[in-house]
PDB file of N, CA and C in Angstrom:
ATOM      1  N   MET A   1      37.521 -49.645  52.802  1.00  0.00           N
ATOM      2  CA  MET A   1      37.500 -51.032  52.407  1.00  0.00           C
ATOM      3  C   MET A   1      37.010 -51.932  53.541  1.00  0.00           C
ATOM      4  N   ASN A   2      37.445 -51.622  54.773  1.00  0.00           N
ATOM      5  CA  ASN A   2      37.006 -52.421  55.915  1.00  0.00           C
ATOM      6  C   ASN A   2      35.504 -52.301  56.138  1.00  0.00           C
ATOM      7  N   MET A   3      34.961 -51.140  55.817  1.00  0.00           N
ATOM      8  CA  MET A   3      33.527 -50.941  55.988  1.00  0.00           C
ATOM      9  C   MET A   3      32.741 -51.850  55.043  1.00  0.00           C
ATOM     10  N   LYS A   4      33.225 -52.004  53.802  1.00  0.00           N
ATOM     11  CA  LYS A   4      32.568 -52.890  52.840  1.00  0.00           C
ATOM     12  C   LYS A   4      32.623 -54.338  53.318  1.00  0.00           C
ATOM     13  N   LYS A   5      33.783 -54.779  53.813  1.00  0.00           N
ATOM     14  CA  LYS A   5      33.921 -56.148  54.312  1.00  0.00           C
ATOM     15  C   LYS A   5      33.004 -56.383  55.507  1.00  0.00           C
ATOM     16  N   GLY A   6      32.923 -55.402  56.390  1.00  0.00           N
ATOM     17  CA  GLY A   6      32.053 -55.521  57.555  1.00  0.00           C
ATOM     18  C   GLY A   6      30.591 -55.609  57.161  1.00  0.00           C
ATOM     19  N   LEU A   7      30.194 -54.809  56.188  1.00  0.00           N
ATOM     20  CA  LEU A   7      28.820 -54.823  55.712  1.00  0.00           C
ATOM     21  C   LEU A   7      28.494 -56.151  55.043  1.00  0.00           C
ATOM     22  N   LEU A   8      29.408 -56.668  54.230  1.00  0.00           N
ATOM     23  CA  LEU A   8      29.199 -57.962  53.593  1.00  0.00           C
ATOM     24  C   LEU A   8      29.098 -59.077  54.618  1.00  0.00           C
ATOM     25  N   ALA A   9      29.927 -59.031  55.655  1.00  0.00           N
ATOM     26  CA  ALA A   9      29.873 -60.044  56.712  1.00  0.00           C
ATOM     27  C   ALA A   9      28.543 -59.986  57.447  1.00  0.00           C
ATOM     28  N   LEU A  10      28.051 -58.799  57.705  1.00  0.00           N
ATOM     29  CA  LEU A  10      26.769 -58.623  58.380  1.00  0.00           C
ATOM     30  C   LEU A  10      25.625 -59.171  57.537  1.00  0.00           C
ATOM     31  N   ILE A  11      25.647 -58.892  56.246  1.00  0.00           N
ATOM     32  CA  ILE A  11      24.603 -59.385  55.340  1.00  0.00           C
ATOM     33  C   ILE A  11      24.653 -60.909  55.257  1.00  0.00           C
ATOM     34  N   ALA A  12      25.847 -61.484  55.169  1.00  0.00           N
ATOM     35  CA  ALA A  12      25.989 -62.940  55.105  1.00  0.00           C
ATOM     36  C   ALA A  12      25.479 -63.589  56.386  1.00  0.00           C
ATOM     37  N   THR A  13      25.792 -63.010  57.522  1.00  0.00           N
ATOM     38  CA  THR A  13      25.328 -63.548  58.800  1.00  0.00           C
ATOM     39  C   THR A  13      23.813 -63.488  58.890  1.00  0.00           C
ATOM     40  N   ALA A  14      23.226 -62.400  58.456  1.00  0.00           N
ATOM     41  CA  ALA A  14      21.771 -62.260  58.478  1.00  0.00           C
ATOM     42  C   ALA A  14      21.106 -63.280  57.562  1.00  0.00           C
ATOM     43  N   ALA A  15      21.684 -63.541  56.401  1.00  0.00           N
ATOM     44  CA  ALA A  15      21.127 -64.511  55.462  1.00  0.00           C
ATOM     45  C   ALA A  15      21.164 -65.919  56.048  1.00  0.00           C
ATOM     46  N   VAL A  16      22.275 -66.294  56.671  1.00  0.00           N
ATOM     47  CA  VAL A  16      22.398 -67.629  57.271  1.00  0.00           C
ATOM     48  C   VAL A  16      21.423 -67.769  58.428  1.00  0.00           C
ATOM     49  N   THR A  17      21.322 -66.761  59.267  1.00  0.00           N
ATOM     50  CA  THR A  17      20.399 -66.797  60.402  1.00  0.00           C
ATOM     51  C   THR A  17      18.963 -66.939  59.926  1.00  0.00           C
ATOM     52  N   THR A  18      18.590 -66.225  58.887  1.00  0.00           N
ATOM     53  CA  THR A  18      17.233 -66.303  58.340  1.00  0.00           C
ATOM     54  C   THR A  18      16.957 -67.690  57.787  1.00  0.00           C
ATOM     55  N   ALA A  19      17.912 -68.285  57.083  1.00  0.00           N
ATOM     56  CA  ALA A  19      17.733 -69.623  56.523  1.00  0.00           C
ATOM     57  C   ALA A  19      17.558 -70.663  57.628  1.00  0.00           C
ATOM     58  N   VAL A  20      18.341 -70.568  58.683  1.00  0.00           N
ATOM     59  CA  VAL A  20      18.243 -71.520  59.797  1.00  0.00           C
ATOM     60  C   VAL A  20      16.893 -71.371  60.491  1.00  0.00           C
ATOM     61  N   GLN A  21      16.454 -70.153  60.711  1.00  0.00           N
ATOM     62  CA  GLN A  21      15.162 -69.934  61.359  1.00  0.00           C
ATOM     63  C   GLN A  21      14.016 -70.418  60.483  1.00  0.00           C
ATOM     64  N   ALA A  22      14.118 -70.254  59.175  1.00  0.00           N
ATOM     65  CA  ALA A  22      13.070 -70.721  58.272  1.00  0.00           C
ATOM     66  C   ALA A  22      12.941 -72.238  58.337  1.00  0.00           C
ATOM     67  N   ALA A  23      14.051 -72.954  58.367  1.00  0.00           N
ATOM     68  CA  ALA A  23      14.015 -74.415  58.465  1.00  0.00           C
ATOM     69  C   ALA A  23      13.420 -74.841  59.794  1.00  0.00           C
ATOM     70  N   TYR A  24      13.651 -74.079  60.842  1.00  0.00           N
ATOM     71  CA  TYR A  24      13.126 -74.385  62.176  1.00  0.00           C
ATOM     72  C   TYR A  24      11.605 -74.325  62.186  1.00  0.00           C
ATOM     73  N   TRP A  25      11.008 -73.455  61.395  1.00  0.00           N
ATOM     74  CA  TRP A  25       9.564 -73.252  61.383  1.00  0.00           C
ATOM     75  C   TRP A  25       8.846 -74.079  60.323  1.00  0.00           C
ATOM     76  N   GLU A  26       9.554 -74.873  59.531  1.00  0.00           N
ATOM     77  CA  GLU A  26       8.923 -75.640  58.448  1.00  0.00           C
ATOM     78  C   GLU A  26       8.708 -77.097  58.831  1.00  0.00           C
ATOM     79  N   PHE A  27       7.657 -77.690  58.276  1.00  0.00           N
ATOM     80  CA  PHE A  27       7.447 -79.126  58.382  1.00  0.00           C
ATOM     81  C   PHE A  27       7.430 -79.713  56.974  1.00  0.00           C
ATOM     82  N   SER A  28       7.713 -81.013  56.885  1.00  0.00           N
ATOM     83  CA  SER A  28       7.719 -81.688  55.586  1.00  0.00           C
ATOM     84  C   SER A  28       7.087 -83.066  55.731  1.00  0.00           C
ATOM     85  N   ILE A  29       6.385 -83.491  54.693  1.00  0.00           N
ATOM     86  CA  ILE A  29       5.837 -84.842  54.625  1.00  0.00           C
ATOM     87  C   ILE A  29       6.319 -85.453  53.314  1.00  0.00           C
ATOM     88  N   TYR A  30       6.963 -86.605  53.423  1.00  0.00           N
ATOM     89  CA  TYR A  30       7.461 -87.326  52.255  1.00  0.00           C
ATOM     90  C   TYR A  30       6.755 -88.670  52.152  1.00  0.00           C
ATOM     91  N   ALA A  31       6.571 -89.152  50.941  1.00  0.00           N
ATOM     92  CA  ALA A  31       6.039 -90.495  50.698  1.00  0.00           C
ATOM     93  C   ALA A  31       7.184 -91.371  50.217  1.00  0.00           C
ATOM     94  N   TYR A  32       7.329 -92.539  50.833  1.00  0.00           N
ATOM     95  CA  TYR A  32       8.278 -93.535  50.331  1.00  0.00           C
ATOM     96  C   TYR A  32       7.568 -94.344  49.261  1.00  0.00           C
ATOM     97  N   VAL A  33       8.206 -94.497  48.112  1.00  0.00           N
ATOM     98  CA  VAL A  33       7.595 -95.228  47.005  1.00  0.00           C
ATOM     99  C   VAL A  33       8.469 -96.408  46.604  1.00  0.00           C
ATOM    100  N   ASP A  34       7.815 -97.449  46.084  1.00  0.00           N
ATOM    101  CA  ASP A  34       8.558 -98.621  45.609  1.00  0.00           C
ATOM    102  C   ASP A  34       8.932 -98.434  44.141  1.00  0.00           C
ATOM    103  N   SER A  35       9.469 -99.477  43.522  1.00  0.00           N
ATOM    104  CA  SER A  35       9.934 -99.380  42.132  1.00  0.00           C
ATOM    105  C   SER A  35       8.800 -99.145  41.144  1.00  0.00           C
ATOM    106  N   ASN A  36       7.556 -99.475  41.541  1.00  0.00           N
ATOM    107  CA  ASN A  36       6.394 -99.240  40.675  1.00  0.00           C
ATOM    108  C   ASN A  36       5.792 -97.855  40.863  1.00  0.00           C
ATOM    109  N   GLY A  37       6.301 -97.097  41.825  1.00  0.00           N
ATOM    110  CA  GLY A  37       5.779 -95.767  42.091  1.00  0.00           C
ATOM    111  C   GLY A  37       4.638 -95.745  43.088  1.00  0.00           C
ATOM    112  N   ALA A  38       4.320 -96.907  43.688  1.00  0.00           N
ATOM    113  CA  ALA A  38       3.247 -96.975  44.675  1.00  0.00           C
ATOM    114  C   ALA A  38       3.773 -96.554  46.040  1.00  0.00           C
ATOM    115  N   GLU A  39       2.961 -95.824  46.770  1.00  0.00           N
ATOM    116  CA  GLU A  39       3.361 -95.374  48.101  1.00  0.00           C
ATOM    117  C   GLU A  39       3.347 -96.553  49.076  1.00  0.00           C
ATOM    118  N   VAL A  40       4.467 -96.727  49.782  1.00  0.00           N
ATOM    119  CA  VAL A  40       4.571 -97.827  50.745  1.00  0.00           C
ATOM    120  C   VAL A  40       4.860 -97.334  52.163  1.00  0.00           C
ATOM    121  N   GLY A  41       5.098 -96.039  52.325  1.00  0.00           N
ATOM    122  CA  GLY A  41       5.370 -95.485  53.643  1.00  0.00           C
ATOM    123  C   GLY A  41       5.373 -93.969  53.604  1.00  0.00           C
ATOM    124  N   ARG A  42       5.444 -93.375  54.793  1.00  0.00           N
ATOM    125  CA  ARG A  42       5.471 -91.910  54.905  1.00  0.00           C
ATOM    126  C   ARG A  42       6.520 -91.485  55.926  1.00  0.00           C
ATOM    127  N   LEU A  43       7.058 -90.296  55.718  1.00  0.00           N
ATOM    128  CA  LEU A  43       8.005 -89.691  56.647  1.00  0.00           C
ATOM    129  C   LEU A  43       7.505 -88.291  56.963  1.00  0.00           C
ATOM    130  N   TYR A  44       7.298 -88.020  58.268  1.00  0.00           N
ATOM    131  CA  TYR A  44       6.854 -86.706  58.713  1.00  0.00           C
ATOM    132  C   TYR A  44       7.995 -86.060  59.486  1.00  0.00           C
ATOM    133  N   ILE A  45       8.429 -84.891  59.030  1.00  0.00           N
ATOM    134  CA  ILE A  45       9.480 -84.130  59.711  1.00  0.00           C
ATOM    135  C   ILE A  45       8.809 -82.885  60.289  1.00  0.00           C
ATOM    136  N   PRO A  46       8.575 -82.870  61.597  1.00  0.00           N
ATOM    137  CA  PRO A  46       7.850 -81.759  62.207  1.00  0.00           C
ATOM    138  C   PRO A  46       8.715 -80.518  62.410  1.00  0.00           C
ATOM    139  N   CYS A  47       8.072 -79.456  62.822  1.00  0.00           N
ATOM    140  CA  CYS A  47       8.750 -78.188  63.117  1.00  0.00           C
ATOM    141  C   CYS A  47       9.538 -78.279  64.416  1.00  0.00           C
ATOM    142  N   PHE A  48      10.295 -77.252  64.667  1.00  0.00           N
ATOM    143  CA  PHE A  48      10.971 -77.026  65.937  1.00  0.00           C
ATOM    144  C   PHE A  48      12.008 -78.095  66.277  1.00  0.00           C
ATOM    145  N   ASN A  49      12.644 -78.663  65.259  1.00  0.00           N
ATOM    146  CA  ASN A  49      13.718 -79.654  65.431  1.00  0.00           C
ATOM    147  C   ASN A  49      13.294 -80.880  66.230  1.00  0.00           C
ATOM    148  N   ARG A  50      12.015 -81.233  66.170  1.00  0.00           N
ATOM    149  CA  ARG A  50      11.559 -82.456  66.833  1.00  0.00           C
ATOM    150  C   ARG A  50      11.917 -83.654  65.965  1.00  0.00           C
ATOM    151  N   GLN A  51      11.875 -84.834  66.572  1.00  0.00           N
ATOM    152  CA  GLN A  51      12.286 -86.058  65.881  1.00  0.00           C
ATOM    153  C   GLN A  51      11.303 -86.427  64.771  1.00  0.00           C
ATOM    154  N   ALA A  52      11.832 -86.873  63.651  1.00  0.00           N
ATOM    155  CA  ALA A  52      11.013 -87.301  62.518  1.00  0.00           C
ATOM    156  C   ALA A  52      10.296 -88.608  62.849  1.00  0.00           C
ATOM    157  N   VAL A  53       9.131 -88.811  62.209  1.00  0.00           N
ATOM    158  CA  VAL A  53       8.328 -90.016  62.424  1.00  0.00           C
ATOM    159  C   VAL A  53       8.110 -90.670  61.069  1.00  0.00           C
ATOM    160  N   SER A  54       8.405 -91.979  60.995  1.00  0.00           N
ATOM    161  CA  SER A  54       8.141 -92.704  59.748  1.00  0.00           C
ATOM    162  C   SER A  54       7.109 -93.787  60.006  1.00  0.00           C
ATOM    163  N   GLN A  55       6.281 -94.039  58.998  1.00  0.00           N
ATOM    164  CA  GLN A  55       5.265 -95.074  59.058  1.00  0.00           C
ATOM    165  C   GLN A  55       5.366 -95.911  57.806  1.00  0.00           C
ATOM    166  N   GLY A  56       5.128 -97.201  57.932  1.00  0.00           N
ATOM    167  CA  GLY A  56       5.176 -98.091  56.778  1.00  0.00           C
ATOM    168  C   GLY A  56       6.602 -98.495  56.449  1.00  0.00           C
ATOM    169  N   THR A  57       6.821 -98.833  55.202  1.00  0.00           N
ATOM    170  CA  THR A  57       8.117 -99.307  54.738  1.00  0.00           C
ATOM    171  C   THR A  57       8.989 -98.139  54.287  1.00  0.00           C
ATOM    172  N   VAL A  58      10.238 -98.166  54.702  1.00  0.00           N
ATOM    173  CA  VAL A  58      11.200 -97.133  54.311  1.00  0.00           C
ATOM    174  C   VAL A  58      11.973 -97.634  53.093  1.00  0.00           C
ATOM    175  N   THR A  59      11.990 -96.832  52.029  1.00  0.00           N
ATOM    176  CA  THR A  59      12.752 -97.176  50.831  1.00  0.00           C
ATOM    177  C   THR A  59      13.774 -96.074  50.571  1.00  0.00           C
ATOM    178  N   ASN A  60      14.605 -96.268  49.571  1.00  0.00           N
ATOM    179  CA  ASN A  60      15.612 -95.245  49.254  1.00  0.00           C
ATOM    180  C   ASN A  60      15.067 -94.171  48.318  1.00  0.00           C
ATOM    181  N   LYS A  61      13.791 -94.256  47.946  1.00  0.00           N
ATOM    182  CA  LYS A  61      13.193 -93.263  47.065  1.00  0.00           C
ATOM    183  C   LYS A  61      12.031 -92.592  47.789  1.00  0.00           C
ATOM    184  N   LYS A  62      12.162 -91.276  48.004  1.00  0.00           N
ATOM    185  CA  LYS A  62      11.067 -90.553  48.657  1.00  0.00           C
ATOM    186  C   LYS A  62      10.669 -89.350  47.823  1.00  0.00           C
ATOM    187  N   VAL A  63       9.387 -89.014  47.914  1.00  0.00           N
ATOM    188  CA  VAL A  63       8.806 -87.938  47.126  1.00  0.00           C
ATOM    189  C   VAL A  63       8.161 -86.940  48.088  1.00  0.00           C
ATOM    190  N   LEU A  64       8.442 -85.655  47.905  1.00  0.00           N
ATOM    191  CA  LEU A  64       7.841 -84.631  48.746  1.00  0.00           C
ATOM    192  C   LEU A  64       6.350 -84.545  48.475  1.00  0.00           C
ATOM    193  N   VAL A  65       5.554 -84.681  49.546  1.00  0.00           N
ATOM    194  CA  VAL A  65       4.099 -84.603  49.427  1.00  0.00           C
ATOM    195  C   VAL A  65       3.620 -83.209  49.823  1.00  0.00           C
ATOM    196  N   GLU A  66       4.165 -82.694  50.926  1.00  0.00           N
ATOM    197  CA  GLU A  66       3.709 -81.399  51.413  1.00  0.00           C
ATOM    198  C   GLU A  66       4.810 -80.744  52.232  1.00  0.00           C
ATOM    199  N   ARG A  67       4.897 -79.445  52.147  1.00  0.00           N
ATOM    200  CA  ARG A  67       5.816 -78.656  52.975  1.00  0.00           C
ATOM    201  C   ARG A  67       5.042 -77.409  53.398  1.00  0.00           C
ATOM    202  N   GLY A  68       5.203 -77.051  54.656  1.00  0.00           N
ATOM    203  CA  GLY A  68       4.463 -75.894  55.145  1.00  0.00           C
ATOM    204  C   GLY A  68       5.183 -75.226  56.298  1.00  0.00           C
ATOM    205  N   THR A  69       4.530 -74.222  56.856  1.00  0.00           N
ATOM    206  CA  THR A  69       5.095 -73.452  57.961  1.00  0.00           C
ATOM    207  C   THR A  69       4.200 -73.586  59.176  1.00  0.00           C
ATOM    208  N   CYS A  70       4.796 -73.851  60.317  1.00  0.00           N
ATOM    209  CA  CYS A  70       4.047 -73.932  61.570  1.00  0.00           C
ATOM    210  C   CYS A  70       3.693 -72.533  62.030  1.00  0.00           C
ATOM    211  N   LYS A  71       2.565 -72.416  62.667  1.00  0.00           N
ATOM    212  CA  LYS A  71       2.117 -71.097  63.140  1.00  0.00           C
ATOM    213  C   LYS A  71       1.969 -71.105  64.630  1.00  0.00           C
TER     214      LYS A  71
END
């Protein structure tokens, strides 16, 4: 029984580690839109846990424009 618990713990740890590393290597670009759906700003979230950069007007509604992996 302990072997099963140990194996499950190992698999769970590997899954969490993989998810964290995947987020580290991804970038995202979002568009801020107004109530009419027109783009009024952009948010760029770069790879490697660097600080996000926003341009234009920030609204509470954002739409994913692009997501990719850094190489």
